[in-house]
C-alpha atoms as a PDB file:
ATOM      1  CA  MET A   1    -159.873  12.091  -2.424  1.00  0.00           C
ATOM      2  CA  ILE A   2    -158.112  15.455  -1.210  1.00  0.00           C
ATOM      3  CA  ASN A   3    -158.934  16.614  -4.680  1.00  0.00           C
ATOM      4  CA  SER A   4    -162.468  15.519  -4.163  1.00  0.00           C
ATOM      5  CA  ILE A   5    -162.892  17.432  -0.491  1.00  0.00           C
ATOM      6  CA  ILE A   6    -161.638  20.570  -2.397  1.00  0.00           C
ATOM      7  CA  GLU A   7    -163.870  20.535  -4.928  1.00  0.00           C
ATOM      8  CA  TRP A   8    -166.938  19.533  -2.261  1.00  0.00           C
ATOM      9  CA  LEU A   9    -166.095  22.616  -0.736  1.00  0.00           C
ATOM     10  CA  VAL A  10    -165.854  25.126  -3.719  1.00  0.00           C
ATOM     11  CA  ASN A  11    -169.091  23.459  -4.717  1.00  0.00           C
ATOM     12  CA  LEU A  12    -170.353  24.176  -1.010  1.00  0.00           C
ATOM     13  CA  ILE A  13    -169.327  28.284  -1.449  1.00  0.00           C
ATOM     14  CA  SER A  14    -171.206  28.100  -4.857  1.00  0.00           C
ATOM     15  CA  SER A  15    -174.291  26.432  -3.377  1.00  0.00           C
ATOM     16  CA  VAL A  16    -174.471  28.115   0.621  1.00  0.00           C
ATOM     17  CA  GLY A  17    -172.594  31.526   0.024  1.00  0.00           C
ATOM     18  CA  TYR A  18    -170.897  32.631   2.933  1.00  0.00           C
ATOM     19  CA  TRP A  19    -171.267  29.522   5.339  1.00  0.00           C
ATOM     20  CA  GLY A  20    -169.358  27.490   2.947  1.00  0.00           C
ATOM     21  CA  VAL A  21    -166.947  30.424   3.092  1.00  0.00           C
ATOM     22  CA  GLY A  22    -166.728  29.425   6.581  1.00  0.00           C
ATOM     23  CA  LEU A  23    -166.890  26.195   6.976  1.00  0.00           C
ATOM     24  CA  ALA A  24    -163.827  25.720   4.371  1.00  0.00           C
ATOM     25  CA  MET A  25    -161.789  27.754   5.941  1.00  0.00           C
ATOM     26  CA  PHE A  26    -162.490  26.361   9.230  1.00  0.00           C
ATOM     27  CA  ILE A  27    -161.917  23.002   7.922  1.00  0.00           C
ATOM     28  CA  GLU A  28    -158.148  24.815   5.961  1.00  0.00           C
ATOM     29  CA  SER A  29    -156.629  25.803   9.685  1.00  0.00           C
ATOM     30  CA  PHE A  30    -156.041  22.363  10.634  1.00  0.00           C
ATOM     31  CA  PHE A  31    -156.236  20.382   7.362  1.00  0.00           C
ATOM     32  CA  ALA A  32    -153.154  20.838   5.683  1.00  0.00           C
ATOM     33  CA  PRO A  33    -154.069  19.432   2.017  1.00  0.00           C
ATOM     34  CA  ILE A  34    -157.115  22.116   2.238  1.00  0.00           C
ATOM     35  CA  PRO A  35    -155.703  24.857   0.194  1.00  0.00           C
ATOM     36  CA  SER A  36    -156.661  29.006   0.935  1.00  0.00           C
ATOM     37  CA  GLU A  37    -155.187  29.965  -2.100  1.00  0.00           C
ATOM     38  CA  ILE A  38    -158.287  28.016  -3.948  1.00  0.00           C
ATOM     39  CA  ILE A  39    -160.787  28.816  -1.064  1.00  0.00           C
ATOM     40  CA  LEU A  40    -160.448  32.526  -0.937  1.00  0.00           C
ATOM     41  CA  PRO A  41    -159.431  33.346  -4.074  1.00  0.00           C
ATOM     42  CA  PHE A  42    -162.927  31.399  -5.523  1.00  0.00           C
ATOM     43  CA  SER A  43    -164.998  32.936  -3.299  1.00  0.00           C
ATOM     44  CA  GLY A  44    -163.978  36.562  -4.437  1.00  0.00           C
ATOM     45  CA  PHE A  45    -164.699  35.331  -7.778  1.00  0.00           C
ATOM     46  CA  VAL A  46    -168.184  34.316  -6.458  1.00  0.00           C
ATOM     47  CA  ALA A  47    -168.249  37.992  -4.768  1.00  0.00           C
ATOM     48  CA  SER A  48    -167.194  39.745  -8.409  1.00  0.00           C
ATOM     49  CA  LYS A  49    -170.583  37.860 -10.093  1.00  0.00           C
ATOM     50  CA  GLY A  50    -172.190  39.538  -7.279  1.00  0.00           C
ATOM     51  CA  ASN A  51    -173.549  36.484  -5.559  1.00  0.00           C
ATOM     52  CA  LEU A  52    -171.469  37.537  -2.179  1.00  0.00           C
ATOM     53  CA  ASN A  53    -170.676  41.000  -0.426  1.00  0.00           C
ATOM     54  CA  ILE A  54    -166.527  40.866  -0.769  1.00  0.00           C
ATOM     55  CA  LEU A  55    -166.187  42.717   2.625  1.00  0.00           C
ATOM     56  CA  ILE A  56    -168.389  39.603   4.144  1.00  0.00           C
ATOM     57  CA  VAL A  57    -166.705  37.093   2.476  1.00  0.00           C
ATOM     58  CA  ILE A  58    -163.192  38.654   4.096  1.00  0.00           C
ATOM     59  CA  ILE A  59    -164.977  38.567   7.777  1.00  0.00           C
ATOM     60  CA  VAL A  60    -166.326  35.283   7.365  1.00  0.00           C
ATOM     61  CA  ALA A  61    -163.041  33.960   6.126  1.00  0.00           C
ATOM     62  CA  THR A  62    -161.046  35.532   9.211  1.00  0.00           C
ATOM     63  CA  ILE A  63    -163.203  34.486  11.425  1.00  0.00           C
ATOM     64  CA  ALA A  64    -163.731  31.001  10.469  1.00  0.00           C
ATOM     65  CA  ALA A  65    -160.348  30.556   9.941  1.00  0.00           C
ATOM     66  CA  TYR A  66    -159.491  31.849  13.813  1.00  0.00           C
ATOM     67  CA  LEU A  67    -161.501  29.442  15.291  1.00  0.00           C
ATOM     68  CA  GLY A  68    -160.182  26.794  13.240  1.00  0.00           C
ATOM     69  CA  SER A  69    -156.590  28.058  15.098  1.00  0.00           C
ATOM     70  CA  LEU A  70    -157.722  27.511  18.073  1.00  0.00           C
ATOM     71  CA  PRO A  71    -157.858  23.286  18.625  1.00  0.00           C
ATOM     72  CA  PHE A  72    -154.219  23.600  18.141  1.00  0.00           C
ATOM     73  CA  TYR A  73    -153.574  26.134  20.502  1.00  0.00           C
ATOM     74  CA  PHE A  74    -154.985  24.275  23.260  1.00  0.00           C
ATOM     75  CA  ILE A  75    -153.743  20.952  22.250  1.00  0.00           C
ATOM     76  CA  GLY A  76    -149.871  22.887  22.767  1.00  0.00           C
ATOM     77  CA  LYS A  77    -150.748  24.216  25.937  1.00  0.00           C
ATOM     78  CA  LEU A  78    -151.097  20.286  27.441  1.00  0.00           C
ATOM     79  CA  GLY A  79    -147.437  20.680  26.254  1.00  0.00           C
ATOM     80  CA  GLU A  80    -144.940  19.175  23.572  1.00  0.00           C
ATOM     81  CA  GLU A  81    -145.607  15.942  24.815  1.00  0.00           C
ATOM     82  CA  LYS A  82    -149.302  15.924  24.135  1.00  0.00           C
ATOM     83  CA  VAL A  83    -148.493  17.427  21.365  1.00  0.00           C
ATOM     84  CA  LEU A  84    -146.510  14.791  19.916  1.00  0.00           C
ATOM     85  CA  SER A  85    -148.771  12.196  21.211  1.00  0.00           C
ATOM     86  CA  PHE A  86    -151.316  13.760  19.127  1.00  0.00           C
ATOM     87  CA  LEU A  87    -149.465  14.003  15.844  1.00  0.00           C
ATOM     88  CA  LYS A  88    -148.541  10.273  16.384  1.00  0.00           C
ATOM     89  CA  LYS A  89    -152.266   9.474  16.258  1.00  0.00           C
ATOM     90  CA  PHE A  90    -153.859  11.932  14.159  1.00  0.00           C
ATOM     91  CA  GLY A  91    -150.757  13.465  12.172  1.00  0.00           C
ATOM     92  CA  LYS A  92    -151.252  11.268   9.136  1.00  0.00           C
ATOM     93  CA  TYR A  93    -154.875  12.118   8.903  1.00  0.00           C
ATOM     94  CA  LEU A  94    -154.556  16.253   8.949  1.00  0.00           C
ATOM     95  CA  PHE A  95    -151.413  15.332   6.821  1.00  0.00           C
ATOM     96  CA  ILE A  96    -149.341  17.200   9.563  1.00  0.00           C
ATOM     97  CA  SER A  97    -145.268  15.582  10.084  1.00  0.00           C
ATOM     98  CA  ASP A  98    -143.329  15.512  12.649  1.00  0.00           C
ATOM     99  CA  LYS A  99    -141.283  17.668  10.422  1.00  0.00           C
ATOM    100  CA  ASP A 100    -143.404  20.558   9.877  1.00  0.00           C
ATOM    101  CA  LEU A 101    -144.128  20.808  13.646  1.00  0.00           C
ATOM    102  CA  LYS A 102    -140.563  21.096  14.170  1.00  0.00           C
ATOM    103  CA  LYS A 103    -140.143  23.711  11.379  1.00  0.00           C
ATOM    104  CA  GLY A 104    -143.046  25.814  13.405  1.00  0.00           C
ATOM    105  CA  ILE A 105    -141.555  25.508  16.792  1.00  0.00           C
ATOM    106  CA  GLU A 106    -137.687  26.077  15.289  1.00  0.00           C
ATOM    107  CA  VAL A 107    -138.982  29.460  13.528  1.00  0.00           C
ATOM    108  CA  PHE A 108    -141.363  30.327  16.336  1.00  0.00           C
ATOM    109  CA  GLU A 109    -138.218  30.138  18.962  1.00  0.00           C
ATOM    110  CA  LYS A 110    -136.448  32.367  16.413  1.00  0.00           C
ATOM    111  CA  PHE A 111    -138.668  35.211  16.264  1.00  0.00           C
ATOM    112  CA  GLY A 112    -141.263  34.874  18.743  1.00  0.00           C
ATOM    113  CA  ASN A 113    -144.380  35.618  19.447  1.00  0.00           C
ATOM    114  CA  ARG A 114    -145.144  37.987  16.753  1.00  0.00           C
ATOM    115  CA  PHE A 115    -144.378  35.584  14.209  1.00  0.00           C
ATOM    116  CA  VAL A 116    -147.719  33.922  14.800  1.00  0.00           C
ATOM    117  CA  LEU A 117    -148.491  36.861  12.861  1.00  0.00           C
ATOM    118  CA  LEU A 118    -146.343  36.602  10.184  1.00  0.00           C
ATOM    119  CA  GLY A 119    -146.904  32.206   9.933  1.00  0.00           C
ATOM    120  CA  ARG A 120    -150.498  33.102   9.027  1.00  0.00           C
ATOM    121  CA  LEU A 121    -149.287  34.350   5.395  1.00  0.00           C
ATOM    122  CA  ILE A 122    -146.927  31.139   5.287  1.00  0.00           C
ATOM    123  CA  PRO A 123    -148.410  27.508   3.971  1.00  0.00           C
ATOM    124  CA  ILE A 124    -148.171  24.831   5.606  1.00  0.00           C
ATOM    125  CA  ILE A 125    -146.263  27.117   8.873  1.00  0.00           C
ATOM    126  CA  ARG A 126    -149.630  29.005   9.269  1.00  0.00           C
ATOM    127  CA  THR A 127    -151.483  25.724   9.949  1.00  0.00           C
ATOM    128  CA  VAL A 128    -149.015  24.344  12.433  1.00  0.00           C
ATOM    129  CA  ILE A 129    -147.896  27.400  14.209  1.00  0.00           C
ATOM    130  CA  SER A 130    -150.853  27.369  16.562  1.00  0.00           C
ATOM    131  CA  PHE A 131    -149.268  24.550  17.836  1.00  0.00           C
ATOM    132  CA  PRO A 132    -145.785  26.384  19.630  1.00  0.00           C
ATOM    133  CA  ALA A 133    -147.760  29.076  20.895  1.00  0.00           C
ATOM    134  CA  GLY A 134    -149.375  27.029  22.527  1.00  0.00           C
ATOM    135  CA  VAL A 135    -146.630  24.794  24.502  1.00  0.00           C
ATOM    136  CA  SER A 136    -144.781  28.337  25.093  1.00  0.00           C
ATOM    137  CA  LYS A 137    -147.647  29.452  27.067  1.00  0.00           C
ATOM    138  CA  MET A 138    -148.642  32.499  24.742  1.00  0.00           C
ATOM    139  CA  ASN A 139    -150.658  34.472  26.124  1.00  0.00           C
ATOM    140  CA  PHE A 140    -154.463  34.154  24.752  1.00  0.00           C
ATOM    141  CA  GLY A 141    -155.453  37.416  24.171  1.00  0.00           C
ATOM    142  CA  ILE A 142    -151.798  37.970  22.259  1.00  0.00           C
ATOM    143  CA  PHE A 143    -152.220  35.085  20.264  1.00  0.00           C
ATOM    144  CA  SER A 144    -155.678  35.707  19.042  1.00  0.00           C
ATOM    145  CA  LEU A 145    -154.952  39.280  18.026  1.00  0.00           C
ATOM    146  CA  TYR A 146    -152.233  38.689  15.913  1.00  0.00           C
ATOM    147  CA  THR A 147    -154.157  35.594  14.269  1.00  0.00           C
ATOM    148  CA  ILE A 148    -156.728  37.538  13.438  1.00  0.00           C
ATOM    149  CA  ILE A 149    -154.319  40.154  12.095  1.00  0.00           C
ATOM    150  CA  GLY A 150    -152.650  37.506  10.179  1.00  0.00           C
ATOM    151  CA  THR A 151    -155.884  35.555   8.885  1.00  0.00           C
ATOM    152  CA  ALA A 152    -157.403  38.668   8.087  1.00  0.00           C
ATOM    153  CA  ILE A 153    -154.308  39.936   5.972  1.00  0.00           C
ATOM    154  CA  TRP A 154    -154.419  36.785   4.267  1.00  0.00           C
ATOM    155  CA  SER A 155    -158.171  36.567   3.793  1.00  0.00           C
ATOM    156  CA  THR A 156    -157.858  39.806   2.283  1.00  0.00           C
ATOM    157  CA  ILE A 157    -154.966  39.396   0.020  1.00  0.00           C
ATOM    158  CA  LEU A 158    -156.583  36.281  -1.646  1.00  0.00           C
ATOM    159  CA  SER A 159    -160.210  37.236  -1.204  1.00  0.00           C
ATOM    160  CA  LEU A 160    -159.706  40.412  -3.391  1.00  0.00           C
ATOM    161  CA  ALA A 161    -157.535  38.843  -5.643  1.00  0.00           C
ATOM    162  CA  GLY A 162    -159.900  36.367  -6.936  1.00  0.00           C
ATOM    163  CA  PHE A 163    -162.196  38.924  -7.091  1.00  0.00           C
ATOM    164  CA  PHE A 164    -160.515  41.493  -9.509  1.00  0.00           C
ATOM    165  CA  LEU A 165    -158.720  38.494 -11.882  1.00  0.00           C
ATOM    166  CA  GLY A 166    -162.632  36.856 -11.687  1.00  0.00           C
ATOM    167  CA  SER A 167    -162.698  33.993 -14.319  1.00  0.00           C
ATOM    168  CA  LYS A 168    -158.592  33.516 -13.693  1.00  0.00           C
ATOM    169  CA  TRP A 169    -158.840  33.247 -10.128  1.00  0.00           C
ATOM    170  CA  GLU A 170    -156.920  29.821 -10.534  1.00  0.00           C
ATOM    171  CA  ASN A 171    -153.668  32.368 -11.215  1.00  0.00           C
ATOM    172  CA  VAL A 172    -153.496  32.874  -7.878  1.00  0.00           C
ATOM    173  CA  SER A 173    -152.779  29.727  -6.747  1.00  0.00           C
ATOM    174  CA  ILE A 174    -149.848  29.523  -8.953  1.00  0.00           C
ATOM    175  CA  PHE A 175    -148.484  32.792  -7.976  1.00  0.00           C
ATOM    176  CA  VAL A 176    -149.198  31.614  -4.181  1.00  0.00           C
ATOM    177  CA  ALA A 177    -146.656  28.684  -4.751  1.00  0.00           C
ATOM    178  CA  ARG A 178    -143.968  30.983  -6.198  1.00  0.00           C
ATOM    179  CA  TYR A 179    -144.303  33.009  -3.268  1.00  0.00           C
ATOM    180  CA  GLU A 180    -144.006  30.291  -0.863  1.00  0.00           C
ATOM    181  CA  LYS A 181    -140.834  29.239  -2.456  1.00  0.00           C
ATOM    182  CA  VAL A 182    -139.538  32.989  -2.085  1.00  0.00           C
ATOM    183  CA  ILE A 183    -140.284  33.052   1.432  1.00  0.00           C
ATOM    184  CA  ILE A 184    -139.043  29.336   2.972  1.00  0.00           C
ATOM    185  CA  GLY A 185    -135.861  30.533   0.540  1.00  0.00           C
ATOM    186  CA  ILE A 186    -135.934  33.778   3.075  1.00  0.00           C
ATOM    187  CA  LEU A 187    -136.404  31.909   6.264  1.00  0.00           C
ATOM    188  CA  LEU A 188    -133.420  29.334   5.834  1.00  0.00           C
ATOM    189  CA  PHE A 189    -131.215  32.540   4.675  1.00  0.00           C
ATOM    190  CA  ILE A 190    -131.817  33.923   7.991  1.00  0.00           C
ATOM    191  CA  THR A 191    -131.493  30.661   9.740  1.00  0.00           C
ATOM    192  CA  ILE A 192    -128.182  30.419   8.183  1.00  0.00           C
ATOM    193  CA  VAL A 193    -127.426  33.698   9.278  1.00  0.00           C
ATOM    194  CA  PHE A 194    -128.492  32.912  13.073  1.00  0.00           C
ATOM    195  CA  ILE A 195    -126.468  30.087  13.648  1.00  0.00           C
ATOM    196  CA  GLY A 196    -123.334  31.688  11.740  1.00  0.00           C
ATOM    197  CA  ASN A 197    -123.754  34.695  14.196  1.00  0.00           C
ATOM    198  CA  LYS A 198    -124.007  32.136  17.126  1.00  0.00           C
ATOM    199  CA  ILE A 199    -120.906  30.116  16.325  1.00  0.00           C
ATOM    200  CA  LEU A 200    -118.651  33.712  15.376  1.00  0.00           C
ATOM    201  CA  LYS A 201    -120.123  34.705  18.959  1.00  0.00           C
ATOM    202  CA  ARG A 202    -118.582  31.390  20.332  1.00  0.00           C
ATOM    203  CA  LYS A 203    -115.668  31.891  18.615  1.00  0.00           C
ATOM    204  CA  ASN A 204    -115.271  35.433  19.856  1.00  0.00           C
ATOM    205  CA  THR A 205    -115.752  34.183  23.392  1.00  0.00           C
ATOM    206  CA  LYS A 206    -113.379  31.517  23.648  1.00  0.00           C
ATOM    207  CA  SER A 207    -110.581  33.564  22.177  1.00  0.00           C
END
């Protein structure tokens, strides 16, 4: 089913251009199985053939992804219980688990509002980061600014990669898969260091 949806979106981009890019990125923002690492490089590839303008592709992708992030932000503003209730009902359809949400909340609590920007560059996290941002009552203007900047960076990198790789645009998803593992490894390392420092501080305080 997921492969069919991805294939449909790719065909949509080929046939209706910018509208297809926009719709694909809007859905990708809240539907985890739709990978932007396929949508954006393919859009860049289409632009390399002269069918689309690469700058407009990046702008459309950025705006659509931002708009797609808003529903989860506003659900988050209703409170953590509402978010958990929402995921209990619809999480399985969006392929978002409680584990994914908890991961997003934990990272957000450690790094604060600025992680909304960084989180847009990390697969899976980019899908759920709007929830904790809303739960924490993050200022909407700052949330929008960080989301747009982070999404613009992500859209630019992947779209240009597809543009310059041309027919080899699919190699981008392979690279992103490796990049994702590295990022997750770094986050785990930072978390271990963070927890270790807290334990040492407690021991020093007691002594």
